């Protein structure tokens, strides 16, 4: 994918803004997802949601600590649209910098101290850009945990468990948070009232423990993989 091209989600095909997710195993062509599709564990072609991935976010500095790579690109695009000297229009497109900052940075970086051609940044020789962290979704692999469509029969057979999120659609005691949202401990609180509030918090803590217990049981024993239980895989 060329840096000048607008990134497009491989699932919903919508234009993406940073941050977005790039698959590190499906490189030809690049497979990337917007955060919404990635959170749902979407797959396409040969891409599986258990593939390793990295987060694309151009927030690293290039020529100085005060300007990020994304801002450098926006500055050059704004200069191409508005022309040299129209610093008010350039700053309006950039939004994150005022016209004085745009003028000073462009003149000092691209005119007074310009490099021709600009050196390419690489992970091996660039000291200002860190190597992207590659993540692995092993616990979400479709070969272990099925990812049925929401509201499908299998989705209800799985008790509403969403494998790619690791959560239930409806948690155990789902409205428990409503019982503690208004709890506060003021000074000179009556001892009996204080004891009642602590008891409610203790009940809520046991509720959280029960939620985690149910998720651990599902992940450890694969109880949601019906085919595996039936000996079909």
Protein backbone atom coordinates (compact mmCIF):
# COMPACT_ATOMS: atom_id res chain seq x y z
CA UNK A 1 0.00 0.00 0.00
CA UNK A 2 1.44 3.36 -1.03
CA UNK A 3 1.69 5.89 1.76
CA UNK A 4 0.00 8.49 -0.45
CA UNK A 5 -3.06 6.27 -0.96
CA UNK A 6 -6.03 6.39 1.40
CA UNK A 7 -6.13 3.20 3.46
CA UNK A 8 -9.28 1.14 2.81
CA UNK A 9 -10.70 -1.48 5.16
CA UNK A 10 -10.47 -4.97 3.66
CA UNK A 11 -13.81 -5.91 5.23
CA UNK A 12 -16.23 -2.98 4.96
CA UNK A 13 -14.21 -1.24 2.19
CA UNK A 14 -14.58 2.12 3.91
CA UNK A 15 -11.82 4.73 4.03
CA UNK A 16 -9.85 4.55 7.26
CA UNK A 17 -8.15 7.08 9.46
CA UNK A 18 -5.41 6.24 11.92
CA UNK A 19 -5.16 4.22 14.00
CA UNK A 20 -6.02 1.09 12.03
CA UNK A 21 -4.85 -2.54 12.03
CA UNK A 22 -2.48 -4.11 9.46
CA UNK A 23 -2.11 -7.89 9.15
CA UNK A 24 1.57 -8.91 9.33
CA UNK A 25 1.01 -12.23 7.54
CA UNK A 26 -1.16 -11.21 4.56
CA UNK A 27 1.26 -8.82 2.89
CA UNK A 28 0.47 -9.27 -0.82
CA UNK A 29 -1.78 -7.42 -1.09
CA UNK A 30 -1.87 -5.69 2.30
CA UNK A 31 -4.83 -6.63 4.45
CA UNK A 32 -5.93 -3.97 6.93
CA UNK A 33 -9.02 -3.35 9.02
CA UNK A 34 -10.71 -0.41 10.65
CA UNK A 35 -11.05 -0.68 14.42
CA UNK A 36 -14.77 -1.52 14.17
CA UNK A 37 -14.23 -4.52 11.86
CA UNK A 38 -11.16 -5.67 13.77
CA UNK A 39 -13.08 -5.65 17.07
CA UNK A 40 -15.68 -7.94 15.47
CA UNK A 41 -12.99 -10.42 14.33
CA UNK A 42 -13.79 -9.99 10.64
CA UNK A 43 -12.00 -12.22 8.09
CA UNK A 44 -11.60 -12.02 4.32
CA UNK A 45 -10.02 -14.24 1.69
CA UNK A 46 -7.12 -16.17 3.22
CA UNK A 47 -6.92 -13.83 6.21
CA UNK A 48 -7.86 -15.28 9.61
CA UNK A 49 -8.48 -13.29 12.76
CA UNK A 50 -5.73 -15.29 14.50
CA UNK A 51 -3.01 -13.74 12.29
CA UNK A 52 -0.42 -11.50 13.90
CA UNK A 53 -1.00 -7.79 13.39
CA UNK A 54 0.35 -4.34 14.11
CA UNK A 55 -1.27 -0.97 14.79
CA UNK A 56 -0.65 1.71 12.15
CA UNK A 57 -0.38 5.15 13.71
CA UNK A 58 2.05 7.72 12.30
CA UNK A 59 2.56 9.66 15.52
CA UNK A 60 6.38 9.41 15.54
CA UNK A 61 8.62 12.46 14.86
CA UNK A 62 10.60 12.75 11.62
CA UNK A 63 12.56 16.02 11.62
CA UNK A 64 11.86 17.19 15.15
CA UNK A 65 9.99 16.25 18.28
CA UNK A 66 7.28 18.88 17.74
CA UNK A 67 6.03 17.53 14.36
CA UNK A 68 4.76 14.01 13.77
CA UNK A 69 4.96 12.09 10.49
CA UNK A 70 1.20 12.49 10.00
CA UNK A 71 1.53 16.27 10.38
CA UNK A 72 4.42 16.35 7.89
CA UNK A 73 2.25 14.59 5.29
CA UNK A 74 -0.67 16.95 5.95
CA UNK A 75 1.65 19.96 5.65
CA UNK A 76 2.96 18.87 2.25
CA UNK A 77 -0.55 18.07 1.00
CA UNK A 78 -1.79 21.48 2.19
CA UNK A 79 1.15 23.22 0.46
CA UNK A 80 0.30 21.43 -2.78
CA UNK A 81 -3.32 22.60 -2.52
CA UNK A 82 -2.82 26.15 -1.24
CA UNK A 83 0.59 27.13 -2.58
CA UNK A 84 3.58 28.73 -0.89
CA UNK A 85 2.78 31.77 1.23
CA UNK A 86 -0.86 31.01 1.96
CA UNK A 87 -0.04 30.04 5.53
CA UNK A 88 -3.51 30.81 6.92
CA UNK A 89 -5.11 28.33 4.51
CA UNK A 90 -2.37 25.79 5.16
CA UNK A 91 -2.86 26.01 8.93
CA UNK A 92 -6.63 25.62 8.52
CA UNK A 93 -6.11 22.35 6.68
CA UNK A 94 -3.51 21.19 9.19
CA UNK A 95 -5.58 22.31 12.25
CA UNK A 96 -2.94 21.19 14.76
CA UNK A 97 -0.51 24.06 13.95
CA UNK A 98 -0.96 27.80 13.47
CA UNK A 99 0.23 29.75 10.43
CA UNK A 100 3.46 30.93 12.07
CA UNK A 101 4.45 27.37 13.03
CA UNK A 102 3.66 26.13 9.51
CA UNK A 103 5.74 28.83 7.87
CA UNK A 104 8.73 28.42 10.19
CA UNK A 105 8.76 24.62 9.97
CA UNK A 106 8.33 24.47 6.19
CA UNK A 107 11.06 27.05 5.54
CA UNK A 108 13.55 25.51 7.96
CA UNK A 109 12.89 21.88 7.01
CA UNK A 110 12.14 21.91 3.30
CA UNK A 111 13.96 25.07 2.10
CA UNK A 112 16.81 26.20 4.40
CA UNK A 113 17.94 22.69 5.40
CA UNK A 114 16.34 20.62 2.67
CA UNK A 115 17.75 17.19 1.83
CA UNK A 116 17.62 16.19 -1.82
CA UNK A 117 16.30 13.60 -2.09
CA UNK A 118 14.80 13.15 1.37
CA UNK A 119 16.27 10.06 3.02
CA UNK A 120 13.97 7.09 3.43
CA UNK A 121 13.11 6.04 6.96
CA UNK A 122 13.59 2.41 7.88
CA UNK A 123 13.17 0.45 11.07
CA UNK A 124 16.84 -0.54 11.10
CA UNK A 125 18.53 2.88 10.82
CA UNK A 126 15.94 5.34 12.10
CA UNK A 127 16.44 6.34 15.73
CA UNK A 128 13.22 8.34 15.99
CA UNK A 129 10.78 5.62 14.96
CA UNK A 130 10.28 2.44 16.95
CA UNK A 131 9.73 -0.95 15.37
CA UNK A 132 5.99 -1.69 15.41
CA UNK A 133 4.86 -4.17 18.02
CA UNK A 134 3.39 -7.31 16.46
CA UNK A 135 0.49 -8.88 18.34
CA UNK A 136 -0.84 -12.42 18.11
CA UNK A 137 -4.49 -13.30 18.67
CA UNK A 138 -3.87 -16.95 19.53
CA UNK A 139 -6.75 -17.17 22.01
CA UNK A 140 -9.16 -15.85 19.35
CA UNK A 141 -8.15 -18.27 16.60
CA UNK A 142 -11.15 -19.57 14.67
CA UNK A 143 -9.68 -23.07 14.78
CA UNK A 144 -10.21 -23.07 18.57
CA UNK A 145 -13.13 -20.71 19.06
CA UNK A 146 -15.94 -20.35 16.50
CA UNK A 147 -17.04 -16.87 15.46
CA UNK A 148 -20.70 -17.22 14.38
CA UNK A 149 -22.69 -14.25 13.06
CA UNK A 150 -24.52 -12.28 15.73
CA UNK A 151 -28.13 -13.42 16.29
CA UNK A 152 -27.49 -16.68 14.40
CA UNK A 153 -28.65 -20.02 15.92
CA UNK A 154 -25.09 -20.97 16.89
CA UNK A 155 -24.62 -17.58 18.54
CA UNK A 156 -27.47 -18.40 20.92
CA UNK A 157 -26.20 -21.97 21.39
CA UNK A 158 -22.95 -20.46 22.65
CA UNK A 159 -24.80 -18.50 25.32
CA UNK A 160 -24.05 -15.21 23.60
CA UNK A 161 -20.30 -15.61 24.05
CA UNK A 162 -18.34 -13.40 21.61
CA UNK A 163 -15.05 -15.22 21.01
CA UNK A 164 -13.18 -12.33 19.41
CA UNK A 165 -13.98 -10.03 22.34
CA UNK A 166 -13.74 -12.63 25.07
CA UNK A 167 -17.00 -11.40 26.60
CA UNK A 168 -20.61 -12.46 26.83
CA UNK A 169 -23.22 -10.40 25.02
CA UNK A 170 -25.13 -10.47 28.31
CA UNK A 171 -22.89 -10.73 31.36
CA UNK A 172 -23.72 -12.63 34.53
CA UNK A 173 -25.80 -10.25 36.70
CA UNK A 174 -25.56 -7.79 33.82
CA UNK A 175 -27.15 -4.87 35.66
CA UNK A 176 -25.12 -5.23 38.84
CA UNK A 177 -23.34 -1.93 38.15
CA UNK A 178 -26.62 -0.08 38.63
CA UNK A 179 -26.60 -1.08 42.30
CA UNK A 180 -23.24 0.55 43.02
CA UNK A 181 -23.23 3.61 40.74
CA UNK A 182 -24.49 5.98 43.47
CA UNK A 183 -22.47 4.55 46.37
CA UNK A 184 -20.21 7.09 48.08
CA UNK A 185 -18.52 7.31 51.47
CA UNK A 186 -18.92 10.71 53.07
CA UNK A 187 -17.38 11.86 56.32
CA UNK A 188 -19.29 11.09 59.52
CA UNK A 189 -21.11 8.27 57.78
CA UNK A 190 -23.40 6.25 60.00
CA UNK A 191 -21.76 2.95 60.94
CA UNK A 192 -24.75 0.85 59.89
CA UNK A 193 -25.02 2.63 56.52
CA UNK A 194 -21.30 2.19 55.99
CA UNK A 195 -21.58 -1.52 56.70
CA UNK A 196 -24.45 -1.85 54.22
CA UNK A 197 -22.49 -0.10 51.48
CA UNK A 198 -19.44 -2.31 52.10
CA UNK A 199 -21.67 -5.37 51.88
CA UNK A 200 -23.00 -4.24 48.49
CA UNK A 201 -19.43 -3.73 47.25
CA UNK A 202 -18.51 -7.18 48.50
CA UNK A 203 -21.43 -8.66 46.55
CA UNK A 204 -20.29 -6.79 43.44
CA UNK A 205 -16.76 -8.14 43.84
CA UNK A 206 -18.10 -11.71 43.99
CA UNK A 207 -20.13 -10.94 40.85
CA UNK A 208 -16.95 -9.90 39.00
CA UNK A 209 -15.21 -13.07 40.17
CA UNK A 210 -18.11 -15.17 38.89
CA UNK A 211 -17.97 -13.45 35.49
CA UNK A 212 -14.26 -14.20 35.15
CA UNK A 213 -14.80 -17.78 36.31
CA UNK A 214 -17.35 -18.42 33.56
CA UNK A 215 -15.04 -17.00 30.89
CA UNK A 216 -12.11 -19.08 32.15
CA UNK A 217 -14.21 -22.25 32.01
CA UNK A 218 -15.21 -21.54 28.41
CA UNK A 219 -11.65 -20.77 27.28
CA UNK A 220 -10.05 -23.64 29.18
CA UNK A 221 -12.44 -26.43 28.24
CA UNK A 222 -13.72 -25.16 24.89
CA UNK A 223 -17.33 -25.57 25.92
CA UNK A 224 -18.53 -23.26 23.16
CA UNK A 225 -16.97 -25.33 20.37
CA UNK A 226 -19.87 -27.68 19.77
CA UNK A 227 -18.17 -29.59 16.95
CA UNK A 228 -15.17 -30.32 19.15
CA UNK A 229 -17.40 -31.62 21.93
CA UNK A 230 -19.19 -33.91 19.49
CA UNK A 231 -15.87 -35.33 18.30
CA UNK A 232 -16.21 -33.93 14.78
CA UNK A 233 -12.88 -32.08 14.76
